[in-house]
PDB file of all heavy atoms in Angstrom:
ATOM      1  N   GLU A   1       0.835  -1.192   0.000  1.00  0.00           N
ATOM      2  CA  GLU A   1       0.000   0.000   0.000  1.00  0.00           C
ATOM      3  C   GLU A   1       0.874   1.247   0.000  1.00  0.00           C
ATOM      4  O   GLU A   1       1.991   1.231   0.521  1.00  0.00           O
ATOM      5  CB  GLU A   1      -0.921   0.046   1.230  1.00  0.00           C
ATOM      6  CG  GLU A   1      -1.839  -1.151   1.388  1.00  0.00           C
ATOM      7  CD  GLU A   1      -1.254  -2.217   2.290  1.00  0.00           C
ATOM      8  OE1 GLU A   1      -0.024  -2.236   2.482  1.00  0.00           O
ATOM      9  OE2 GLU A   1      -2.038  -3.037   2.814  1.00  0.00           O
ATOM     10  N   SER A   2       0.339   2.326  -0.540  1.00  0.00           N
ATOM     11  CA  SER A   2       1.033   3.601  -0.523  1.00  0.00           C
ATOM     12  C   SER A   2       0.012   4.725  -0.612  1.00  0.00           C
ATOM     13  O   SER A   2      -1.153   4.496  -0.917  1.00  0.00           O
ATOM     14  CB  SER A   2       2.046   3.701  -1.667  1.00  0.00           C
ATOM     15  OG  SER A   2       1.401   3.633  -2.925  1.00  0.00           O
ATOM     16  N   GLY A   3       0.465   5.943  -0.345  1.00  0.00           N
ATOM     17  CA  GLY A   3      -0.373   7.115  -0.512  1.00  0.00           C
ATOM     18  C   GLY A   3      -0.896   7.733   0.763  1.00  0.00           C
ATOM     19  O   GLY A   3      -1.538   8.788   0.717  1.00  0.00           O
ATOM     20  N   GLY A   4      -0.641   7.112   1.897  1.00  0.00           N
ATOM     21  CA  GLY A   4      -1.102   7.667   3.149  1.00  0.00           C
ATOM     22  C   GLY A   4      -0.340   8.924   3.526  1.00  0.00           C
ATOM     23  O   GLY A   4       0.671   9.271   2.925  1.00  0.00           O
ATOM     24  N   GLY A   5      -0.853   9.606   4.533  1.00  0.00           N
ATOM     25  CA  GLY A   5      -0.213  10.820   4.991  1.00  0.00           C
ATOM     26  C   GLY A   5      -1.086  11.583   5.954  1.00  0.00           C
ATOM     27  O   GLY A   5      -2.106  11.079   6.427  1.00  0.00           O
ATOM     28  N   LEU A   6      -0.679  12.806   6.241  1.00  0.00           N
ATOM     29  CA  LEU A   6      -1.401  13.697   7.137  1.00  0.00           C
ATOM     30  C   LEU A   6      -2.218  14.679   6.313  1.00  0.00           C
ATOM     31  O   LEU A   6      -1.691  15.328   5.403  1.00  0.00           O
ATOM     32  CB  LEU A   6      -0.422  14.447   8.036  1.00  0.00           C
ATOM     33  CG  LEU A   6      -1.000  15.521   8.955  1.00  0.00           C
ATOM     34  CD1 LEU A   6      -1.945  14.905   9.970  1.00  0.00           C
ATOM     35  CD2 LEU A   6       0.126  16.270   9.646  1.00  0.00           C
ATOM     36  N   VAL A   7      -3.491  14.789   6.633  1.00  0.00           N
ATOM     37  CA  VAL A   7      -4.375  15.684   5.902  1.00  0.00           C
ATOM     38  C   VAL A   7      -5.351  16.330   6.881  1.00  0.00           C
ATOM     39  O   VAL A   7      -5.722  15.727   7.893  1.00  0.00           O
ATOM     40  CB  VAL A   7      -5.128  14.922   4.787  1.00  0.00           C
ATOM     41  CG1 VAL A   7      -6.042  13.860   5.380  1.00  0.00           C
ATOM     42  CG2 VAL A   7      -5.897  15.876   3.895  1.00  0.00           C
ATOM     43  N   GLN A   8      -5.751  17.550   6.593  1.00  0.00           N
ATOM     44  CA  GLN A   8      -6.718  18.241   7.433  1.00  0.00           C
ATOM     45  C   GLN A   8      -8.129  17.733   7.169  1.00  0.00           C
ATOM     46  O   GLN A   8      -8.421  17.222   6.083  1.00  0.00           O
ATOM     47  CB  GLN A   8      -6.664  19.744   7.183  1.00  0.00           C
ATOM     48  CG  GLN A   8      -5.369  20.395   7.623  1.00  0.00           C
ATOM     49  CD  GLN A   8      -5.397  21.904   7.477  1.00  0.00           C
ATOM     50  OE1 GLN A   8      -6.284  22.464   6.841  1.00  0.00           O
ATOM     51  NE2 GLN A   8      -4.425  22.571   8.075  1.00  0.00           N
ATOM     52  N   PRO A   9      -9.016  17.836   8.146  1.00  0.00           N
ATOM     53  CA  PRO A   9     -10.409  17.466   7.900  1.00  0.00           C
ATOM     54  C   PRO A   9     -10.966  18.185   6.679  1.00  0.00           C
ATOM     55  O   PRO A   9     -10.729  19.376   6.478  1.00  0.00           O
ATOM     56  CB  PRO A   9     -11.121  17.900   9.181  1.00  0.00           C
ATOM     57  CG  PRO A   9     -10.060  17.840  10.228  1.00  0.00           C
ATOM     58  CD  PRO A   9      -8.789  18.264   9.536  1.00  0.00           C
ATOM     59  N   GLY A  10     -11.695  17.437   5.865  1.00  0.00           N
ATOM     60  CA  GLY A  10     -12.221  17.966   4.626  1.00  0.00           C
ATOM     61  C   GLY A  10     -11.313  17.773   3.436  1.00  0.00           C
ATOM     62  O   GLY A  10     -11.734  18.003   2.297  1.00  0.00           O
ATOM     63  N   GLY A  11     -10.100  17.345   3.678  1.00  0.00           N
ATOM     64  CA  GLY A  11      -9.144  17.137   2.613  1.00  0.00           C
ATOM     65  C   GLY A  11      -9.307  15.793   1.934  1.00  0.00           C
ATOM     66  O   GLY A  11     -10.216  15.024   2.240  1.00  0.00           O
ATOM     67  N   SER A  12      -8.393  15.509   1.016  1.00  0.00           N
ATOM     68  CA  SER A  12      -8.458  14.300   0.210  1.00  0.00           C
ATOM     69  C   SER A  12      -7.117  13.595   0.160  1.00  0.00           C
ATOM     70  O   SER A  12      -6.058  14.225   0.253  1.00  0.00           O
ATOM     71  CB  SER A  12      -8.889  14.625  -1.223  1.00  0.00           C
ATOM     72  OG  SER A  12     -10.182  15.204  -1.262  1.00  0.00           O
ATOM     73  N   LEU A  13      -7.175  12.294   0.012  1.00  0.00           N
ATOM     74  CA  LEU A  13      -6.012  11.458  -0.227  1.00  0.00           C
ATOM     75  C   LEU A  13      -6.417  10.334  -1.165  1.00  0.00           C
ATOM     76  O   LEU A  13      -7.575   9.918  -1.176  1.00  0.00           O
ATOM     77  CB  LEU A  13      -5.465  10.848   1.064  1.00  0.00           C
ATOM     78  CG  LEU A  13      -4.646  11.711   2.016  1.00  0.00           C
ATOM     79  CD1 LEU A  13      -4.349  10.922   3.287  1.00  0.00           C
ATOM     80  CD2 LEU A  13      -3.356  12.173   1.366  1.00  0.00           C
ATOM     81  N   THR A  14      -5.458   9.840  -1.921  1.00  0.00           N
ATOM     82  CA  THR A  14      -5.668   8.667  -2.749  1.00  0.00           C
ATOM     83  C   THR A  14      -4.674   7.590  -2.351  1.00  0.00           C
ATOM     84  O   THR A  14      -3.465   7.807  -2.396  1.00  0.00           O
ATOM     85  CB  THR A  14      -5.505   8.994  -4.240  1.00  0.00           C
ATOM     86  OG1 THR A  14      -6.455   9.984  -4.627  1.00  0.00           O
ATOM     87  CG2 THR A  14      -5.745   7.741  -5.077  1.00  0.00           C
ATOM     88  N   LEU A  15      -5.184   6.449  -1.945  1.00  0.00           N
ATOM     89  CA  LEU A  15      -4.358   5.320  -1.582  1.00  0.00           C
ATOM     90  C   LEU A  15      -4.241   4.377  -2.767  1.00  0.00           C
ATOM     91  O   LEU A  15      -5.169   4.230  -3.557  1.00  0.00           O
ATOM     92  CB  LEU A  15      -4.956   4.562  -0.398  1.00  0.00           C
ATOM     93  CG  LEU A  15      -5.265   5.378   0.850  1.00  0.00           C
ATOM     94  CD1 LEU A  15      -5.782   4.458   1.947  1.00  0.00           C
ATOM     95  CD2 LEU A  15      -4.042   6.153   1.319  1.00  0.00           C
ATOM     96  N   SER A  16      -3.088   3.732  -2.864  1.00  0.00           N
ATOM     97  CA  SER A  16      -2.853   2.764  -3.919  1.00  0.00           C
ATOM     98  C   SER A  16      -2.415   1.441  -3.321  1.00  0.00           C
ATOM     99  O   SER A  16      -1.734   1.398  -2.295  1.00  0.00           O
ATOM    100  CB  SER A  16      -1.781   3.266  -4.893  1.00  0.00           C
ATOM    101  OG  SER A  16      -2.212   4.419  -5.578  1.00  0.00           O
ATOM    102  N   CYS A  17      -2.798   0.376  -3.974  1.00  0.00           N
ATOM    103  CA  CYS A  17      -2.392  -0.970  -3.610  1.00  0.00           C
ATOM    104  C   CYS A  17      -1.818  -1.625  -4.850  1.00  0.00           C
ATOM    105  O   CYS A  17      -2.494  -1.710  -5.879  1.00  0.00           O
ATOM    106  CB  CYS A  17      -3.583  -1.765  -3.081  1.00  0.00           C
ATOM    107  SG  CYS A  17      -3.263  -3.524  -2.829  1.00  0.00           S
ATOM    108  N   SER A  18      -0.591  -2.076  -4.751  1.00  0.00           N
ATOM    109  CA  SER A  18       0.073  -2.734  -5.867  1.00  0.00           C
ATOM    110  C   SER A  18       0.328  -4.192  -5.521  1.00  0.00           C
ATOM    111  O   SER A  18       0.822  -4.495  -4.436  1.00  0.00           O
ATOM    112  CB  SER A  18       1.391  -2.043  -6.197  1.00  0.00           C
ATOM    113  OG  SER A  18       1.183  -0.718  -6.624  1.00  0.00           O
ATOM    114  N   ALA A  19       0.014  -5.062  -6.445  1.00  0.00           N
ATOM    115  CA  ALA A  19       0.214  -6.492  -6.260  1.00  0.00           C
ATOM    116  C   ALA A  19       1.212  -7.010  -7.280  1.00  0.00           C
ATOM    117  O   ALA A  19       1.242  -6.560  -8.424  1.00  0.00           O
ATOM    118  CB  ALA A  19      -1.101  -7.250  -6.392  1.00  0.00           C
ATOM    119  N   SER A  20       2.010  -7.949  -6.856  1.00  0.00           N
ATOM    120  CA  SER A  20       2.966  -8.573  -7.758  1.00  0.00           C
ATOM    121  C   SER A  20       3.052 -10.060  -7.452  1.00  0.00           C
ATOM    122  O   SER A  20       2.684 -10.515  -6.371  1.00  0.00           O
ATOM    123  CB  SER A  20       4.349  -7.926  -7.630  1.00  0.00           C
ATOM    124  OG  SER A  20       4.867  -8.077  -6.321  1.00  0.00           O
ATOM    125  N   GLY A  21       3.545 -10.814  -8.416  1.00  0.00           N
ATOM    126  CA  GLY A  21       3.716 -12.247  -8.239  1.00  0.00           C
ATOM    127  C   GLY A  21       2.667 -13.091  -8.931  1.00  0.00           C
ATOM    128  O   GLY A  21       2.896 -14.284  -9.165  1.00  0.00           O
ATOM    129  N   SER A  22       1.532 -12.494  -9.243  1.00  0.00           N
ATOM    130  CA  SER A  22       0.455 -13.202  -9.907  1.00  0.00           C
ATOM    131  C   SER A  22      -0.541 -12.202 -10.457  1.00  0.00           C
ATOM    132  O   SER A  22      -0.661 -11.090  -9.946  1.00  0.00           O
ATOM    133  CB  SER A  22      -0.239 -14.162  -8.934  1.00  0.00           C
ATOM    134  OG  SER A  22      -1.287 -14.862  -9.574  1.00  0.00           O
ATOM    135  N   SER A  23      -1.266 -12.588 -11.464  1.00  0.00           N
ATOM    136  CA  SER A  23      -2.350 -11.767 -11.980  1.00  0.00           C
ATOM    137  C   SER A  23      -3.438 -11.630 -10.923  1.00  0.00           C
ATOM    138  O   SER A  23      -3.741 -12.573 -10.198  1.00  0.00           O
ATOM    139  CB  SER A  23      -2.931 -12.391 -13.248  1.00  0.00           C
ATOM    140  OG  SER A  23      -4.110 -11.729 -13.638  1.00  0.00           O
ATOM    141  N   ILE A  24      -4.038 -10.438 -10.846  1.00  0.00           N
ATOM    142  CA  ILE A  24      -5.115 -10.213  -9.892  1.00  0.00           C
ATOM    143  C   ILE A  24      -6.483 -10.348 -10.531  1.00  0.00           C
ATOM    144  O   ILE A  24      -7.499 -10.119  -9.874  1.00  0.00           O
ATOM    145  CB  ILE A  24      -5.002  -8.826  -9.226  1.00  0.00           C
ATOM    146  CG1 ILE A  24      -5.218  -7.706 -10.255  1.00  0.00           C
ATOM    147  CG2 ILE A  24      -3.660  -8.664  -8.528  1.00  0.00           C
ATOM    148  CD1 ILE A  24      -5.406  -6.338  -9.624  1.00  0.00           C
ATOM    149  N   ASN A  25      -6.529 -10.731 -11.784  1.00  0.00           N
ATOM    150  CA  ASN A  25      -7.789 -10.732 -12.528  1.00  0.00           C
ATOM    151  C   ASN A  25      -8.895 -11.519 -11.836  1.00  0.00           C
ATOM    152  O   ASN A  25     -10.055 -11.107 -11.842  1.00  0.00           O
ATOM    153  CB  ASN A  25      -7.573 -11.294 -13.932  1.00  0.00           C
ATOM    154  CG  ASN A  25      -6.741 -10.399 -14.814  1.00  0.00           C
ATOM    155  OD1 ASN A  25      -6.179  -9.396 -14.371  1.00  0.00           O
ATOM    156  ND2 ASN A  25      -6.650 -10.771 -16.087  1.00  0.00           N
ATOM    157  N   GLY A  26      -8.556 -12.651 -11.250  1.00  0.00           N
ATOM    158  CA  GLY A  26      -9.547 -13.520 -10.641  1.00  0.00           C
ATOM    159  C   GLY A  26      -9.792 -13.297  -9.164  1.00  0.00           C
ATOM    160  O   GLY A  26     -10.546 -14.060  -8.553  1.00  0.00           O
ATOM    161  N   TYR A  27      -9.180 -12.282  -8.592  1.00  0.00           N
ATOM    162  CA  TYR A  27      -9.297 -12.016  -7.166  1.00  0.00           C
ATOM    163  C   TYR A  27     -10.279 -10.898  -6.867  1.00  0.00           C
ATOM    164  O   TYR A  27     -10.410  -9.948  -7.642  1.00  0.00           O
ATOM    165  CB  TYR A  27      -7.945 -11.626  -6.570  1.00  0.00           C
ATOM    166  CG  TYR A  27      -6.942 -12.743  -6.505  1.00  0.00           C
ATOM    167  CD1 TYR A  27      -6.017 -12.930  -7.527  1.00  0.00           C
ATOM    168  CD2 TYR A  27      -6.910 -13.601  -5.410  1.00  0.00           C
ATOM    169  CE1 TYR A  27      -5.092 -13.951  -7.468  1.00  0.00           C
ATOM    170  CE2 TYR A  27      -5.980 -14.622  -5.344  1.00  0.00           C
ATOM    171  CZ  TYR A  27      -5.070 -14.799  -6.372  1.00  0.00           C
ATOM    172  OH  TYR A  27      -4.146 -15.806  -6.301  1.00  0.00           O
ATOM    173  N   ASP A  28     -10.947 -11.022  -5.737  1.00  0.00           N
ATOM    174  CA  ASP A  28     -11.660  -9.899  -5.163  1.00  0.00           C
ATOM    175  C   ASP A  28     -10.689  -9.106  -4.296  1.00  0.00           C
ATOM    176  O   ASP A  28      -9.707  -9.644  -3.795  1.00  0.00           O
ATOM    177  CB  ASP A  28     -12.839 -10.374  -4.318  1.00  0.00           C
ATOM    178  CG  ASP A  28     -13.909 -11.066  -5.137  1.00  0.00           C
ATOM    179  OD1 ASP A  28     -13.899 -10.935  -6.381  1.00  0.00           O
ATOM    180  OD2 ASP A  28     -14.770 -11.741  -4.542  1.00  0.00           O
ATOM    181  N   MET A  29     -10.987  -7.833  -4.110  1.00  0.00           N
ATOM    182  CA  MET A  29     -10.076  -6.967  -3.380  1.00  0.00           C
ATOM    183  C   MET A  29     -10.856  -6.103  -2.405  1.00  0.00           C
ATOM    184  O   MET A  29     -11.983  -5.712  -2.677  1.00  0.00           O
ATOM    185  CB  MET A  29      -9.272  -6.083  -4.346  1.00  0.00           C
ATOM    186  CG  MET A  29      -8.545  -6.862  -5.432  1.00  0.00           C
ATOM    187  SD  MET A  29      -7.636  -5.824  -6.603  1.00  0.00           S
ATOM    188  CE  MET A  29      -6.205  -5.374  -5.601  1.00  0.00           C
ATOM    189  N   ARG A  30     -10.228  -5.805  -1.271  1.00  0.00           N
ATOM    190  CA  ARG A  30     -10.856  -5.001  -0.235  1.00  0.00           C
ATOM    191  C   ARG A  30      -9.861  -4.004   0.344  1.00  0.00           C
ATOM    192  O   ARG A  30      -8.667  -4.255   0.371  1.00  0.00           O
ATOM    193  CB  ARG A  30     -11.358  -5.869   0.930  1.00  0.00           C
ATOM    194  CG  ARG A  30     -12.422  -6.889   0.602  1.00  0.00           C
ATOM    195  CD  ARG A  30     -12.797  -7.605   1.883  1.00  0.00           C
ATOM    196  NE  ARG A  30     -13.813  -8.627   1.708  1.00  0.00           N
ATOM    197  CZ  ARG A  30     -13.656  -9.902   2.055  1.00  0.00           C
ATOM    198  NH1 ARG A  30     -12.521 -10.315   2.593  1.00  0.00           N
ATOM    199  NH2 ARG A  30     -14.651 -10.760   1.867  1.00  0.00           N
ATOM    200  N   TRP A  31     -10.390  -2.908   0.815  1.00  0.00           N
ATOM    201  CA  TRP A  31      -9.666  -2.011   1.692  1.00  0.00           C
ATOM    202  C   TRP A  31     -10.213  -2.167   3.105  1.00  0.00           C
ATOM    203  O   TRP A  31     -11.430  -2.158   3.300  1.00  0.00           O
ATOM    204  CB  TRP A  31      -9.798  -0.545   1.269  1.00  0.00           C
ATOM    205  CG  TRP A  31      -8.972  -0.161   0.088  1.00  0.00           C
ATOM    206  CD1 TRP A  31      -9.388  -0.002  -1.193  1.00  0.00           C
ATOM    207  CD2 TRP A  31      -7.572   0.137   0.096  1.00  0.00           C
ATOM    208  NE1 TRP A  31      -8.343   0.370  -1.996  1.00  0.00           N
ATOM    209  CE2 TRP A  31      -7.216   0.469  -1.229  1.00  0.00           C
ATOM    210  CE3 TRP A  31      -6.587   0.163   1.089  1.00  0.00           C
ATOM    211  CZ2 TRP A  31      -5.907   0.810  -1.594  1.00  0.00           C
ATOM    212  CZ3 TRP A  31      -5.295   0.499   0.728  1.00  0.00           C
ATOM    213  CH2 TRP A  31      -4.974   0.814  -0.596  1.00  0.00           C
ATOM    214  N   TYR A  32      -9.324  -2.311   4.062  1.00  0.00           N
ATOM    215  CA  TYR A  32      -9.644  -2.301   5.478  1.00  0.00           C
ATOM    216  C   TYR A  32      -8.903  -1.142   6.131  1.00  0.00           C
ATOM    217  O   TYR A  32      -7.943  -0.606   5.582  1.00  0.00           O
ATOM    218  CB  TYR A  32      -9.223  -3.603   6.158  1.00  0.00           C
ATOM    219  CG  TYR A  32     -10.124  -4.786   5.910  1.00  0.00           C
ATOM    220  CD1 TYR A  32     -10.058  -5.492   4.714  1.00  0.00           C
ATOM    221  CD2 TYR A  32     -11.027  -5.212   6.878  1.00  0.00           C
ATOM    222  CE1 TYR A  32     -10.871  -6.586   4.494  1.00  0.00           C
ATOM    223  CE2 TYR A  32     -11.841  -6.308   6.667  1.00  0.00           C
ATOM    224  CZ  TYR A  32     -11.758  -6.994   5.469  1.00  0.00           C
ATOM    225  OH  TYR A  32     -12.560  -8.088   5.257  1.00  0.00           O
ATOM    226  N   ARG A  33      -9.347  -0.779   7.320  1.00  0.00           N
ATOM    227  CA  ARG A  33      -8.612   0.196   8.108  1.00  0.00           C
ATOM    228  C   ARG A  33      -8.682  -0.185   9.578  1.00  0.00           C
ATOM    229  O   ARG A  33      -9.598  -0.872  10.011  1.00  0.00           O
ATOM    230  CB  ARG A  33      -9.149   1.620   7.904  1.00  0.00           C
ATOM    231  CG  ARG A  33     -10.554   1.847   8.435  1.00  0.00           C
ATOM    232  CD  ARG A  33     -11.051   3.232   8.040  1.00  0.00           C
ATOM    233  NE  ARG A  33     -12.388   3.497   8.527  1.00  0.00           N
ATOM    234  CZ  ARG A  33     -13.116   4.546   8.178  1.00  0.00           C
ATOM    235  NH1 ARG A  33     -12.616   5.448   7.330  1.00  0.00           N
ATOM    236  NH2 ARG A  33     -14.333   4.707   8.684  1.00  0.00           N
ATOM    237  N   GLN A  34      -7.705   0.277  10.310  1.00  0.00           N
ATOM    238  CA  GLN A  34      -7.632  -0.010  11.734  1.00  0.00           C
ATOM    239  C   GLN A  34      -7.261   1.264  12.478  1.00  0.00           C
ATOM    240  O   GLN A  34      -6.153   1.780  12.331  1.00  0.00           O
ATOM    241  CB  GLN A  34      -6.622  -1.115  12.026  1.00  0.00           C
ATOM    242  CG  GLN A  34      -6.625  -1.582  13.466  1.00  0.00           C
ATOM    243  CD  GLN A  34      -5.833  -2.867  13.654  1.00  0.00           C
ATOM    244  OE1 GLN A  34      -4.975  -3.202  12.844  1.00  0.00           O
ATOM    245  NE2 GLN A  34      -6.129  -3.590  14.713  1.00  0.00           N
ATOM    246  N   ALA A  35      -8.196   1.769  13.253  1.00  0.00           N
ATOM    247  CA  ALA A  35      -7.949   2.942  14.076  1.00  0.00           C
ATOM    248  C   ALA A  35      -7.209   2.529  15.339  1.00  0.00           C
ATOM    249  O   ALA A  35      -7.283   1.369  15.767  1.00  0.00           O
ATOM    250  CB  ALA A  35      -9.263   3.628  14.424  1.00  0.00           C
TER     251      ALA A  35
END
């Protein structure tokens, strides 16, 4: 994962997830978070 950072309320960020080692075509994908 990449793209995280510090942002003020109301702001925006874009996170990216890169996979390697196999095609992802047949996979489902999720974002989770942990406070």
